[in-house]
Amino acid sequence: MSSTRREPFRAASRPTHVLLMSLRKAVSVTLLAASLTTLSAACGRQQSATGAPPSDSTGGGPASSGIVSPTSDPKPPASPSPSVSVSPSTPRQGGIASRRVYFSSAVRAPALHTVLHDERDLSRFPGWFAASDPAVGAEIAKRAAATDFSRNVLVAWNRTTGCSAATDALLFRSGDRLVLGIDQPPPPRECFAAHQVVTVFEVPRDRMPAHPRFAQEQNPQPDPAGPGRTVAFARLDGGEPARGARNAEVTSGRQLDAFLARLSPKDARTVRGQLAARPSRPGERRFAFSLTGCRPTDAWLMISRQGVSAATTGDETIRCIQAQHWTAVLAVASSLVPERARLID
């Protein structure tokens, strides 16, 4: 929101946008609006969704037995989360979650929607909260530690809910689509800021679509498990880099030149060529790392309150006889990096 004072507006003066699903069992369900592109629009639209869609004509509907109510948290939500108030009218038969790991409508966090498939994904996930609220990321990791990834995955979904705070959330499936159902009271007459909901569900693998799509998002594809994208990844034919800091920020041209000066001319040209194919985005920071691995295929970023680090991936099952030297450059939105975070060698 702008710091300039604005007169409040009445939420009731704007129409409610809903997604109606009429499926074979004639269950009508109101879902979260598919697009909340600006904060002011989100303030003026009440997003309410309760109900459970059955399977549609694409198949793969949810199992109807053995569902544990998503409100049965093993312990109360972490402060400052409010207590969950469950609407008695909310149907439960269509939910696919066996456990709700985390729920809060009192956390400011980046909008994201992702699936965590294993422990490595879970270790990266708290990075989304490292700059905004690291205690939330730590609490989610703590609660999710009991997840058996051989049988389950985690579905995390943070999104704007409009002018009233969510009191409950359920995860549904319709074919390949995942649908987030939100229980929330009517909006207030005046709306000054949009609310968010942060949820993490544990879902049995046999209830998850092979290629899940998040139905209410502009980009339905899952986000990465953690923040950051690889913009350069190359094996160093010239061997280990020259002495100096192993890792460095390379956001500016001068920083990049200083880092590449430690590499052989051939390796430096390789990295520059890869970076040229992936131009920097606005509001982005870039970090270069010197790594070792045995035929890795990529690198991933780890962000915490203490610092920023990276590791190779894709070589977990390879028997390592002699480690190879690699350079990775990873980019991340500046807003996701804690102010005093340092690079960890």
Foldseek 3Di string as FASTA:
>chain_A
DDPDDDDWAFLVVDDADWDWDQADVRWTWTAAAQDDPDWVSLQNYAGAIAEADAAHPLDLFADQPQADPQLPEPDAADPPADAFDDDPPGDDRFFQFNYWQHKGFPFDFDFFKAKAQDPVLLQQQLLRCQAGHSVVSVSSSVSCVPDDSVWKMKIKGKDWRYQWTFRDWTWGDYNQEIGIGTHTDDHDRTGDGIIMMITMGIGTPSSHDPQHFHVSYPGRHHDRSHFKDWQFKDFAPVADFADDDQKFKCQDPVRLVVVLVRGDPVVSVRRVVSNVVPDDDPQKTKMKGKAKDDPFDAKDWHAHNAAIEMYTHRCPPPDDDDITIMMIMIMGHNSSHHPPHYYDD
